[in-house]
Amino acid sequence: MQQDVLQKRLDSLEWTSYRLAQEVDRLRGSNKGAGNYTSTVNKVLANPNKCQIRTLEEVVQAMGGEIFIRWSKTEVVTVSYEDVKVSS
């Protein structure tokens, strides 16, 4: 994930990283306070490719987003094939 994607979203929400940390705290339900998450949030914003996927997902969710995985190639594999007679 590119760093600018997260930063642009943060800017569009007109949030600071502290405000984002508050939202992460709310999502986690820990009520530890935003101060406990500001460093984590800043690390994710600075380099999302070097953080845990769970942490990245929480930051994205806190900003109202979702993470999707799209497989570029899929292959249909038939494990077994069985004829079934259907009567009406």
Protein backbone atom coordinates (compact mmCIF):
# COMPACT_ATOMS: atom_id res chain seq x y z
CA MET A 1 0.00 0.00 0.00
CA GLN A 2 1.26 3.43 -0.87
CA GLN A 3 1.78 5.89 1.94
CA ASP A 4 0.05 8.73 0.12
CA VAL A 5 -3.26 6.83 -0.02
CA LEU A 6 -3.57 6.88 3.76
CA GLN A 7 -2.33 10.45 4.06
CA LYS A 8 -4.80 11.71 1.44
CA ARG A 9 -7.66 10.04 3.31
CA LEU A 10 -6.48 11.56 6.59
CA ASP A 11 -6.35 14.98 4.92
CA SER A 12 -9.81 14.57 3.38
CA LEU A 13 -11.22 13.81 6.83
CA GLU A 14 -9.37 16.88 8.14
CA TRP A 15 -7.95 14.74 10.94
CA THR A 16 -4.60 14.86 12.65
CA SER A 17 -2.74 11.67 13.48
CA TYR A 18 -3.84 12.25 17.10
CA ARG A 19 -7.49 12.31 16.02
CA LEU A 20 -6.91 9.08 14.10
CA ALA A 21 -5.32 7.55 17.22
CA GLN A 22 -8.47 8.49 19.16
CA GLU A 23 -10.57 6.60 16.63
CA VAL A 24 -8.28 3.55 16.77
CA ASP A 25 -8.63 3.59 20.57
CA ARG A 26 -12.42 3.72 20.20
CA LEU A 27 -12.42 0.82 17.72
CA ARG A 28 -10.25 -1.33 19.96
CA GLY A 29 -12.53 -0.56 22.90
CA SER A 30 -9.56 -0.38 25.22
CA ASN A 31 -10.13 3.17 26.48
CA LYS A 32 -6.39 3.56 27.01
CA GLY A 33 -6.43 6.97 25.40
CA ALA A 34 -5.11 8.22 22.10
CA GLY A 35 -1.65 8.80 23.56
CA ASN A 36 -1.10 5.05 23.59
CA TYR A 37 -1.70 4.81 19.84
CA THR A 38 -0.16 7.95 18.34
CA SER A 39 3.22 6.30 17.77
CA THR A 40 1.58 3.26 16.17
CA VAL A 41 -0.59 5.43 13.93
CA ASN A 42 2.38 7.56 12.87
CA LYS A 43 4.37 4.43 11.97
CA VAL A 44 1.51 3.11 9.84
CA LEU A 45 1.11 6.45 8.08
CA ALA A 46 4.87 6.71 7.47
CA ASN A 47 5.29 3.21 6.06
CA PRO A 48 2.19 1.02 5.79
CA ASN A 49 4.21 -1.81 4.21
CA LYS A 50 6.26 -2.33 7.37
CA CYS A 51 3.44 -2.71 9.87
CA GLN A 52 1.34 -5.65 10.91
CA ILE A 53 -1.67 -6.22 8.67
CA ARG A 54 -3.98 -6.13 11.71
CA THR A 55 -2.70 -2.68 12.66
CA LEU A 56 -3.03 -1.43 9.09
CA GLU A 57 -6.57 -2.79 8.94
CA GLU A 58 -7.51 -0.99 12.18
CA VAL A 59 -6.17 2.31 10.87
CA VAL A 60 -8.05 1.88 7.59
CA GLN A 61 -11.26 0.97 9.45
CA ALA A 62 -10.81 3.96 11.75
CA MET A 63 -10.85 6.16 8.65
CA GLY A 64 -14.01 4.45 7.36
CA GLY A 65 -12.39 2.06 4.92
CA GLU A 66 -11.93 -1.64 4.27
CA ILE A 67 -9.09 -3.78 2.97
CA PHE A 68 -9.82 -6.23 0.17
CA ILE A 69 -7.70 -8.99 -1.31
CA ARG A 70 -8.20 -9.64 -5.00
CA TRP A 71 -6.51 -12.67 -6.48
CA SER A 72 -5.15 -11.94 -9.95
CA LYS A 73 -5.28 -15.53 -11.19
CA THR A 74 -7.67 -18.23 -10.21
CA GLU A 75 -7.80 -21.75 -11.50
CA VAL A 76 -10.81 -24.02 -11.42
CA VAL A 77 -9.85 -27.42 -10.08
CA THR A 78 -12.22 -30.38 -10.13
CA VAL A 79 -11.40 -32.69 -7.26
CA SER A 80 -13.91 -35.39 -8.12
CA TYR A 81 -16.71 -35.75 -10.58
CA GLU A 82 -19.81 -37.81 -9.98
CA ASP A 83 -22.89 -38.34 -12.13
CA VAL A 84 -26.08 -37.77 -10.20
CA LYS A 85 -29.46 -38.91 -11.50
CA VAL A 86 -32.22 -36.44 -10.79
CA SER A 87 -35.82 -37.57 -11.06
CA SER A 88 -38.76 -35.27 -11.33
